[in-house]
Amino acid sequence: MPGAEILRTVSFFDQLDAGELDIVASAARRVRFPKGSIVFQEGDAGDFLLVIVKGRVKVTLLGETGQETIVNVLEPPALLGEVALLDDAPRSATVIAVEPTEFLQIARGPFLTLIARHPTIALRIMARLARSLRRATEQIRTLSMFDVHGRVLRSLLMVAQERGLTERSRMVIRPRPSVKELALMSGCTREAASRALKTLNTSGFVTELDGGITIEPRAIKKYLQPTLQNLTLPTSARPIGPVV
């Protein structure tokens, strides 16, 4: 798919005309990362943004002793890295490819020129910042106020907010996050996350699907806090990524 057509699938750029999309696409280049490779690290210079074309990445925070906390998992056509371009600050998280991943990389200069010409893009960035702050608040609430079952379920709900589908009154995630990913998001061991998933399944809070998982209405009612409900619930598979 040509660069301009890829950009058209990203909400930041979908209001640009063909000529403007071509200008941005001409300043972009495709980059590829194998599974397990670091796309960028916390503290790196924020001199480009990325649009995911193929594959999947995880956004993580790494502790001094190597412990990892997954902030988010992103897939096409998610955008990441734009805020570091605006404040000229280092990256605030580490991004790792969880499968072979291809990006469209846009340098800082062309992106800032685009914002100057289209203030609506700046407004969209502000909206993303607001969503990210709300999401961070919910992550703190999850880790500090819930037992392991609640933390695992709330992590699933946050994934559903980003890249799930709503079907009737249920939320469906495909592909399902791995047990390891859920453990790193929930601040528990893989064994504890696995046991929690089994309990949530047998008690009717979640239902396993072929390659996915469904969060049932009773789980949404019990664990989706009002502040989390203020975020945009997904009606399609279009992800809303974090800012890094």
C-alpha atoms as a PDB file:
ATOM      1  CA  MET A   1       0.000   0.000   0.000  1.00  0.00           C
ATOM      2  CA  PRO A   2       1.445   3.449  -0.922  1.00  0.00           C
ATOM      3  CA  GLY A   3       2.423   5.762   1.933  1.00  0.00           C
ATOM      4  CA  ALA A   4      -0.394   8.235   1.250  1.00  0.00           C
ATOM      5  CA  GLU A   5      -2.996   5.472   1.439  1.00  0.00           C
ATOM      6  CA  ILE A   6      -1.549   4.253   4.738  1.00  0.00           C
ATOM      7  CA  LEU A   7      -1.720   7.766   6.200  1.00  0.00           C
ATOM      8  CA  ARG A   8      -5.349   8.066   5.132  1.00  0.00           C
ATOM      9  CA  THR A   9      -6.232   5.203   7.510  1.00  0.00           C
ATOM     10  CA  VAL A  10      -4.834   7.153  10.504  1.00  0.00           C
ATOM     11  CA  SER A  11      -7.292   9.526  12.161  1.00  0.00           C
ATOM     12  CA  PHE A  12      -4.695  12.306  12.400  1.00  0.00           C
ATOM     13  CA  PHE A  13      -4.357  12.510   8.644  1.00  0.00           C
ATOM     14  CA  ASP A  14      -7.745  11.469   7.281  1.00  0.00           C
ATOM     15  CA  GLN A  15      -8.883  15.066   6.668  1.00  0.00           C
ATOM     16  CA  LEU A  16      -5.900  16.008   4.496  1.00  0.00           C
ATOM     17  CA  ASP A  17      -6.389  16.269   0.751  1.00  0.00           C
ATOM     18  CA  ALA A  18      -4.483  14.090  -1.695  1.00  0.00           C
ATOM     19  CA  GLY A  19      -1.751  16.668  -2.324  1.00  0.00           C
ATOM     20  CA  GLU A  20      -1.089  17.170   1.381  1.00  0.00           C
ATOM     21  CA  LEU A  21      -0.992  13.420   2.004  1.00  0.00           C
ATOM     22  CA  ASP A  22       1.531  13.058  -0.809  1.00  0.00           C
ATOM     23  CA  ILE A  23       3.744  15.735   0.770  1.00  0.00           C
ATOM     24  CA  VAL A  24       3.769  13.933   4.127  1.00  0.00           C
ATOM     25  CA  ALA A  25       4.233  10.528   2.494  1.00  0.00           C
ATOM     26  CA  SER A  26       7.177  11.798   0.443  1.00  0.00           C
ATOM     27  CA  ALA A  27       8.923  12.782   3.705  1.00  0.00           C
ATOM     28  CA  ALA A  28       8.324   9.342   5.208  1.00  0.00           C
ATOM     29  CA  ARG A  29      10.232   6.100   4.868  1.00  0.00           C
ATOM     30  CA  ARG A  30       9.429   2.487   5.637  1.00  0.00           C
ATOM     31  CA  VAL A  31      11.357   0.772   8.408  1.00  0.00           C
ATOM     32  CA  ARG A  32      11.144  -2.835   9.594  1.00  0.00           C
ATOM     33  CA  PHE A  33      11.975  -4.472  12.896  1.00  0.00           C
ATOM     34  CA  PRO A  34      12.208  -8.219  13.600  1.00  0.00           C
ATOM     35  CA  LYS A  35      10.335  -9.833  16.465  1.00  0.00           C
ATOM     36  CA  GLY A  36      11.820  -8.952  19.857  1.00  0.00           C
ATOM     37  CA  SER A  37      13.769  -5.929  18.664  1.00  0.00           C
ATOM     38  CA  ILE A  38      13.640  -2.525  20.357  1.00  0.00           C
ATOM     39  CA  VAL A  39      12.007   0.132  18.181  1.00  0.00           C
ATOM     40  CA  PHE A  40      13.055   2.900  20.537  1.00  0.00           C
ATOM     41  CA  GLN A  41      13.960   3.132  24.208  1.00  0.00           C
ATOM     42  CA  GLU A  42      12.880   5.330  27.073  1.00  0.00           C
ATOM     43  CA  GLY A  43      15.249   8.304  27.062  1.00  0.00           C
ATOM     44  CA  ASP A  44      15.928   8.240  23.308  1.00  0.00           C
ATOM     45  CA  ALA A  45      15.581  11.453  21.343  1.00  0.00           C
ATOM     46  CA  GLY A  46      12.052  11.993  20.016  1.00  0.00           C
ATOM     47  CA  ASP A  47      12.931  12.953  16.457  1.00  0.00           C
ATOM     48  CA  PHE A  48      10.342  10.941  14.518  1.00  0.00           C
ATOM     49  CA  LEU A  49       6.882   9.427  14.797  1.00  0.00           C
ATOM     50  CA  LEU A  50       5.750   6.038  13.575  1.00  0.00           C
ATOM     51  CA  VAL A  51       2.637   4.644  11.923  1.00  0.00           C
ATOM     52  CA  ILE A  52       2.303   0.871  12.290  1.00  0.00           C
ATOM     53  CA  VAL A  53       1.752  -0.714   8.869  1.00  0.00           C
ATOM     54  CA  LYS A  54       2.101  -4.410   9.775  1.00  0.00           C
ATOM     55  CA  GLY A  55       2.740  -6.352  12.951  1.00  0.00           C
ATOM     56  CA  ARG A  56       2.325  -5.521  16.641  1.00  0.00           C
ATOM     57  CA  VAL A  57       4.345  -3.742  19.331  1.00  0.00           C
ATOM     58  CA  LYS A  58       4.232  -3.395  23.095  1.00  0.00           C
ATOM     59  CA  VAL A  59       4.815  -0.144  24.946  1.00  0.00           C
ATOM     60  CA  THR A  60       6.663  -0.896  28.177  1.00  0.00           C
ATOM     61  CA  LEU A  61       8.302   0.646  31.209  1.00  0.00           C
ATOM     62  CA  LEU A  62      11.497  -1.075  32.321  1.00  0.00           C
ATOM     63  CA  GLY A  63      12.664  -0.939  35.936  1.00  0.00           C
ATOM     64  CA  GLU A  64      16.270  -0.610  37.088  1.00  0.00           C
ATOM     65  CA  THR A  65      16.453  -4.332  37.880  1.00  0.00           C
ATOM     66  CA  GLY A  66      14.914  -5.354  34.553  1.00  0.00           C
ATOM     67  CA  GLN A  67      11.289  -5.746  35.626  1.00  0.00           C
ATOM     68  CA  GLU A  68       8.829  -4.888  32.882  1.00  0.00           C
ATOM     69  CA  THR A  69       5.363  -3.330  32.964  1.00  0.00           C
ATOM     70  CA  ILE A  70       3.360  -3.324  29.737  1.00  0.00           C
ATOM     71  CA  VAL A  71       1.565  -0.027  29.217  1.00  0.00           C
ATOM     72  CA  ASN A  72      -0.117  -0.986  25.958  1.00  0.00           C
ATOM     73  CA  VAL A  73      -0.049  -3.261  22.928  1.00  0.00           C
ATOM     74  CA  LEU A  74      -0.572  -1.607  19.537  1.00  0.00           C
ATOM     75  CA  GLU A  75      -1.336  -2.799  16.018  1.00  0.00           C
ATOM     76  CA  PRO A  76      -2.100  -1.135  12.635  1.00  0.00           C
ATOM     77  CA  PRO A  77      -2.900   1.662  11.999  1.00  0.00           C
ATOM     78  CA  ALA A  78      -1.789   2.991  15.402  1.00  0.00           C
ATOM     79  CA  LEU A  79       0.358   6.110  15.617  1.00  0.00           C
ATOM     80  CA  LEU A  80       3.053   6.508  18.259  1.00  0.00           C
ATOM     81  CA  GLY A  81       5.796   8.928  19.149  1.00  0.00           C
ATOM     82  CA  GLU A  82       4.171  12.233  18.213  1.00  0.00           C
ATOM     83  CA  VAL A  83       4.220  13.962  21.600  1.00  0.00           C
ATOM     84  CA  ALA A  84       7.990  13.640  21.956  1.00  0.00           C
ATOM     85  CA  LEU A  85       8.211  15.579  18.689  1.00  0.00           C
ATOM     86  CA  LEU A  86       6.161  18.440  20.110  1.00  0.00           C
ATOM     87  CA  ASP A  87       7.949  19.037  23.419  1.00  0.00           C
ATOM     88  CA  ASP A  88      11.392  18.003  22.151  1.00  0.00           C
ATOM     89  CA  ALA A  89      11.706  15.710  25.177  1.00  0.00           C
ATOM     90  CA  PRO A  90      13.123  12.168  25.360  1.00  0.00           C
ATOM     91  CA  ARG A  91      10.899   9.147  24.828  1.00  0.00           C
ATOM     92  CA  SER A  92       8.843   8.326  27.902  1.00  0.00           C
ATOM     93  CA  ALA A  93       8.599   4.558  27.289  1.00  0.00           C
ATOM     94  CA  THR A  94      10.246   1.693  25.436  1.00  0.00           C
ATOM     95  CA  VAL A  95       8.596   0.150  22.366  1.00  0.00           C
ATOM     96  CA  ILE A  96       9.378  -3.479  21.439  1.00  0.00           C
ATOM     97  CA  ALA A  97       8.192  -5.451  18.402  1.00  0.00           C
ATOM     98  CA  VAL A  98       6.260  -8.519  19.568  1.00  0.00           C
ATOM     99  CA  GLU A  99       6.196  -9.836  15.992  1.00  0.00           C
ATOM    100  CA  PRO A 100       7.892  -8.717  12.753  1.00  0.00           C
ATOM    101  CA  THR A 101       6.674  -5.142  12.379  1.00  0.00           C
ATOM    102  CA  GLU A 102       6.775  -2.544   9.623  1.00  0.00           C
ATOM    103  CA  PHE A 103       6.356   1.197  10.181  1.00  0.00           C
ATOM    104  CA  LEU A 104       6.017   4.367   8.210  1.00  0.00           C
ATOM    105  CA  GLN A 105       8.503   6.752   9.854  1.00  0.00           C
ATOM    106  CA  ILE A 106       7.887  10.507   9.628  1.00  0.00           C
ATOM    107  CA  ALA A 107      10.624  12.921  10.663  1.00  0.00           C
ATOM    108  CA  ARG A 108      10.077  15.796  13.096  1.00  0.00           C
ATOM    109  CA  GLY A 109      10.398  18.682  10.634  1.00  0.00           C
ATOM    110  CA  PRO A 110       7.663  17.662   8.156  1.00  0.00           C
ATOM    111  CA  PHE A 111       5.313  16.776  11.018  1.00  0.00           C
ATOM    112  CA  LEU A 112       5.689  20.158  12.737  1.00  0.00           C
ATOM    113  CA  THR A 113       5.146  21.898   9.388  1.00  0.00           C
ATOM    114  CA  LEU A 114       1.953  19.897   8.978  1.00  0.00           C
ATOM    115  CA  ILE A 115       0.700  20.960  12.421  1.00  0.00           C
ATOM    116  CA  ALA A 116       1.414  24.627  11.638  1.00  0.00           C
ATOM    117  CA  ARG A 117      -0.747  24.359   8.526  1.00  0.00           C
ATOM    118  CA  HIS A 118      -3.494  22.303  10.184  1.00  0.00           C
ATOM    119  CA  PRO A 119      -4.242  23.322  13.813  1.00  0.00           C
ATOM    120  CA  THR A 120      -6.921  20.622  13.976  1.00  0.00           C
ATOM    121  CA  ILE A 121      -4.113  18.054  14.157  1.00  0.00           C
ATOM    122  CA  ALA A 122      -2.808  19.795  17.289  1.00  0.00           C
ATOM    123  CA  LEU A 123      -6.302  19.542  18.778  1.00  0.00           C
ATOM    124  CA  ARG A 124      -6.322  15.824  18.065  1.00  0.00           C
ATOM    125  CA  ILE A 125      -2.997  15.467  19.843  1.00  0.00           C
ATOM    126  CA  MET A 126      -4.479  17.264  22.866  1.00  0.00           C
ATOM    127  CA  ALA A 127      -7.395  14.821  22.829  1.00  0.00           C
ATOM    128  CA  ARG A 128      -4.934  11.902  22.768  1.00  0.00           C
ATOM    129  CA  LEU A 129      -3.072  13.402  25.717  1.00  0.00           C
ATOM    130  CA  ALA A 130      -6.321  13.649  27.668  1.00  0.00           C
ATOM    131  CA  ARG A 131      -7.145   9.999  26.930  1.00  0.00           C
ATOM    132  CA  SER A 132      -3.654   8.938  27.927  1.00  0.00           C
ATOM    133  CA  LEU A 133      -3.906  10.779  31.254  1.00  0.00           C
ATOM    134  CA  ARG A 134      -7.240   9.101  31.951  1.00  0.00           C
ATOM    135  CA  ARG A 135      -5.739   5.739  31.045  1.00  0.00           C
ATOM    136  CA  ALA A 136      -2.778   6.295  33.372  1.00  0.00           C
ATOM    137  CA  THR A 137      -5.183   7.134  36.198  1.00  0.00           C
ATOM    138  CA  GLU A 138      -7.064   3.892  35.582  1.00  0.00           C
ATOM    139  CA  GLN A 139      -3.831   1.883  35.558  1.00  0.00           C
ATOM    140  CA  ILE A 140      -2.889   3.328  38.944  1.00  0.00           C
ATOM    141  CA  ARG A 141      -6.390   2.552  40.231  1.00  0.00           C
ATOM    142  CA  THR A 142      -6.151  -1.013  38.925  1.00  0.00           C
ATOM    143  CA  LEU A 143      -2.774  -1.754  40.500  1.00  0.00           C
ATOM    144  CA  SER A 144      -3.584  -0.165  43.846  1.00  0.00           C
ATOM    145  CA  MET A 145      -7.249  -1.025  44.502  1.00  0.00           C
ATOM    146  CA  PHE A 146      -7.986  -4.488  43.048  1.00  0.00           C
ATOM    147  CA  ASP A 147      -7.018  -8.092  43.773  1.00  0.00           C
ATOM    148  CA  VAL A 148      -5.344 -10.172  41.072  1.00  0.00           C
ATOM    149  CA  HIS A 149      -8.669 -11.176  39.474  1.00  0.00           C
ATOM    150  CA  GLY A 150      -9.749  -7.547  39.259  1.00  0.00           C
ATOM    151  CA  ARG A 151      -6.358  -6.452  37.932  1.00  0.00           C
ATOM    152  CA  VAL A 152      -6.382  -9.058  35.163  1.00  0.00           C
ATOM    153  CA  LEU A 153      -9.946  -8.222  34.198  1.00  0.00           C
ATOM    154  CA  ARG A 154      -9.312  -4.476  34.280  1.00  0.00           C
ATOM    155  CA  SER A 155      -6.243  -5.014  32.079  1.00  0.00           C
ATOM    156  CA  LEU A 156      -8.453  -6.858  29.593  1.00  0.00           C
ATOM    157  CA  LEU A 157     -10.917  -3.974  29.696  1.00  0.00           C
ATOM    158  CA  MET A 158      -8.162  -1.485  28.945  1.00  0.00           C
ATOM    159  CA  VAL A 159      -7.016  -3.586  25.981  1.00  0.00           C
ATOM    160  CA  ALA A 160     -10.613  -3.675  24.782  1.00  0.00           C
ATOM    161  CA  GLN A 161     -10.745   0.118  25.018  1.00  0.00           C
ATOM    162  CA  GLU A 162      -7.760   0.320  22.690  1.00  0.00           C
ATOM    163  CA  ARG A 163      -8.395  -2.337  20.064  1.00  0.00           C
ATOM    164  CA  GLY A 164     -11.519  -4.302  20.916  1.00  0.00           C
ATOM    165  CA  LEU A 165     -14.929  -4.572  19.303  1.00  0.00           C
ATOM    166  CA  THR A 166     -18.324  -4.093  20.882  1.00  0.00           C
ATOM    167  CA  GLU A 167     -20.816  -6.839  20.099  1.00  0.00           C
ATOM    168  CA  ARG A 168     -24.202  -6.218  21.663  1.00  0.00           C
ATOM    169  CA  SER A 169     -23.320  -5.563  25.312  1.00  0.00           C
ATOM    170  CA  ARG A 170     -20.058  -7.510  25.254  1.00  0.00           C
ATOM    171  CA  MET A 171     -16.485  -6.515  24.395  1.00  0.00           C
ATOM    172  CA  VAL A 172     -14.423  -8.811  22.174  1.00  0.00           C
ATOM    173  CA  ILE A 173     -10.627  -8.819  21.846  1.00  0.00           C
ATOM    174  CA  ARG A 174      -8.826 -10.535  18.973  1.00  0.00           C
ATOM    175  CA  PRO A 175      -6.114 -11.661  19.225  1.00  0.00           C
ATOM    176  CA  ARG A 176      -6.284 -12.328  22.943  1.00  0.00           C
ATOM    177  CA  PRO A 177      -3.376 -10.913  24.963  1.00  0.00           C
ATOM    178  CA  SER A 178      -1.001 -13.643  26.077  1.00  0.00           C
ATOM    179  CA  VAL A 179      -0.876 -14.689  29.716  1.00  0.00           C
ATOM    180  CA  LYS A 180       2.600 -13.170  29.929  1.00  0.00           C
ATOM    181  CA  GLU A 181       1.327  -9.827  28.587  1.00  0.00           C
ATOM    182  CA  LEU A 182      -1.581  -9.808  31.040  1.00  0.00           C
ATOM    183  CA  ALA A 183       0.761 -10.621  33.923  1.00  0.00           C
ATOM    184  CA  LEU A 184       3.051  -7.722  32.996  1.00  0.00           C
ATOM    185  CA  MET A 185       0.082  -5.373  32.679  1.00  0.00           C
ATOM    186  CA  SER A 186      -1.447  -6.546  35.975  1.00  0.00           C
ATOM    187  CA  GLY A 187       1.673  -6.600  38.143  1.00  0.00           C
ATOM    188  CA  CYS A 188       1.517 -10.318  38.945  1.00  0.00           C
ATOM    189  CA  THR A 189       3.228 -13.581  37.978  1.00  0.00           C
ATOM    190  CA  ARG A 190       2.277 -15.592  34.896  1.00  0.00           C
ATOM    191  CA  GLU A 191       0.974 -18.360  37.152  1.00  0.00           C
ATOM    192  CA  ALA A 192      -1.272 -15.917  39.042  1.00  0.00           C
ATOM    193  CA  ALA A 193      -2.576 -14.408  35.799  1.00  0.00           C
ATOM    194  CA  SER A 194      -3.298 -17.880  34.399  1.00  0.00           C
ATOM    195  CA  ARG A 195      -5.223 -18.895  37.539  1.00  0.00           C
ATOM    196  CA  ALA A 196      -7.150 -15.612  37.494  1.00  0.00           C
ATOM    197  CA  LEU A 197      -8.180 -16.134  33.846  1.00  0.00           C
ATOM    198  CA  LYS A 198      -9.460 -19.624  34.655  1.00  0.00           C
ATOM    199  CA  THR A 199     -11.481 -18.290  37.602  1.00  0.00           C
ATOM    200  CA  LEU A 200     -12.892 -15.421  35.540  1.00  0.00           C
ATOM    201  CA  ASN A 201     -13.866 -17.890  32.826  1.00  0.00           C
ATOM    202  CA  THR A 202     -15.597 -20.379  35.123  1.00  0.00           C
ATOM    203  CA  SER A 203     -17.438 -17.572  36.936  1.00  0.00           C
ATOM    204  CA  GLY A 204     -18.811 -16.124  33.702  1.00  0.00           C
ATOM    205  CA  PHE A 205     -16.904 -12.847  33.616  1.00  0.00           C
ATOM    206  CA  VAL A 206     -15.020 -13.744  30.431  1.00  0.00           C
ATOM    207  CA  THR A 207     -15.519 -16.307  27.670  1.00  0.00           C
ATOM    208  CA  GLU A 208     -12.698 -17.833  25.667  1.00  0.00           C
ATOM    209  CA  LEU A 209     -13.060 -17.654  21.886  1.00  0.00           C
ATOM    210  CA  ASP A 210     -11.050 -19.157  19.059  1.00  0.00           C
ATOM    211  CA  GLY A 211      -8.089 -16.800  19.016  1.00  0.00           C
ATOM    212  CA  GLY A 212      -9.787 -14.254  21.238  1.00  0.00           C
ATOM    213  CA  ILE A 213     -11.668 -13.510  24.431  1.00  0.00           C
ATOM    214  CA  THR A 214     -15.032 -11.912  25.280  1.00  0.00           C
ATOM    215  CA  ILE A 215     -15.603  -9.706  28.297  1.00  0.00           C
ATOM    216  CA  GLU A 216     -19.151 -10.341  29.445  1.00  0.00           C
ATOM    217  CA  PRO A 217     -21.668  -7.647  30.514  1.00  0.00           C
ATOM    218  CA  ARG A 218     -21.478  -8.537  34.230  1.00  0.00           C
ATOM    219  CA  ALA A 219     -17.717  -7.913  34.170  1.00  0.00           C
ATOM    220  CA  ILE A 220     -18.154  -4.571  32.410  1.00  0.00           C
ATOM    221  CA  LYS A 221     -20.778  -3.513  34.953  1.00  0.00           C
ATOM    222  CA  LYS A 222     -18.659  -4.490  37.948  1.00  0.00           C
ATOM    223  CA  TYR A 223     -15.171  -3.443  36.879  1.00  0.00           C
ATOM    224  CA  LEU A 224     -15.568  -0.583  34.413  1.00  0.00           C
ATOM    225  CA  GLN A 225     -15.304   2.522  36.622  1.00  0.00           C
ATOM    226  CA  PRO A 226     -17.116   5.782  35.661  1.00  0.00           C
ATOM    227  CA  THR A 227     -13.820   7.457  34.828  1.00  0.00           C
ATOM    228  CA  LEU A 228     -12.971   4.636  32.454  1.00  0.00           C
ATOM    229  CA  GLN A 229     -16.416   4.889  30.871  1.00  0.00           C
ATOM    230  CA  ASN A 230     -15.614   8.481  29.942  1.00  0.00           C
ATOM    231  CA  LEU A 231     -13.091   7.165  27.452  1.00  0.00           C
ATOM    232  CA  THR A 232     -14.335   6.396  23.951  1.00  0.00           C
ATOM    233  CA  LEU A 233     -15.693   2.863  23.840  1.00  0.00           C
ATOM    234  CA  PRO A 234     -14.594   1.016  20.684  1.00  0.00           C
ATOM    235  CA  THR A 235     -17.084   0.498  17.860  1.00  0.00           C
ATOM    236  CA  SER A 236     -14.511  -0.766  15.376  1.00  0.00           C
ATOM    237  CA  ALA A 237     -11.075  -2.296  15.390  1.00  0.00           C
ATOM    238  CA  ARG A 238      -9.431   1.094  14.953  1.00  0.00           C
ATOM    239  CA  PRO A 239      -6.978   1.491  17.862  1.00  0.00           C
ATOM    240  CA  ILE A 240      -6.341   4.599  19.897  1.00  0.00           C
ATOM    241  CA  GLY A 241      -2.742   4.403  21.008  1.00  0.00           C
ATOM    242  CA  PRO A 242      -0.815   5.946  23.850  1.00  0.00           C
ATOM    243  CA  VAL A 243       1.550   8.837  23.576  1.00  0.00           C
ATOM    244  CA  VAL A 244       5.268   8.081  23.900  1.00  0.00           C
END
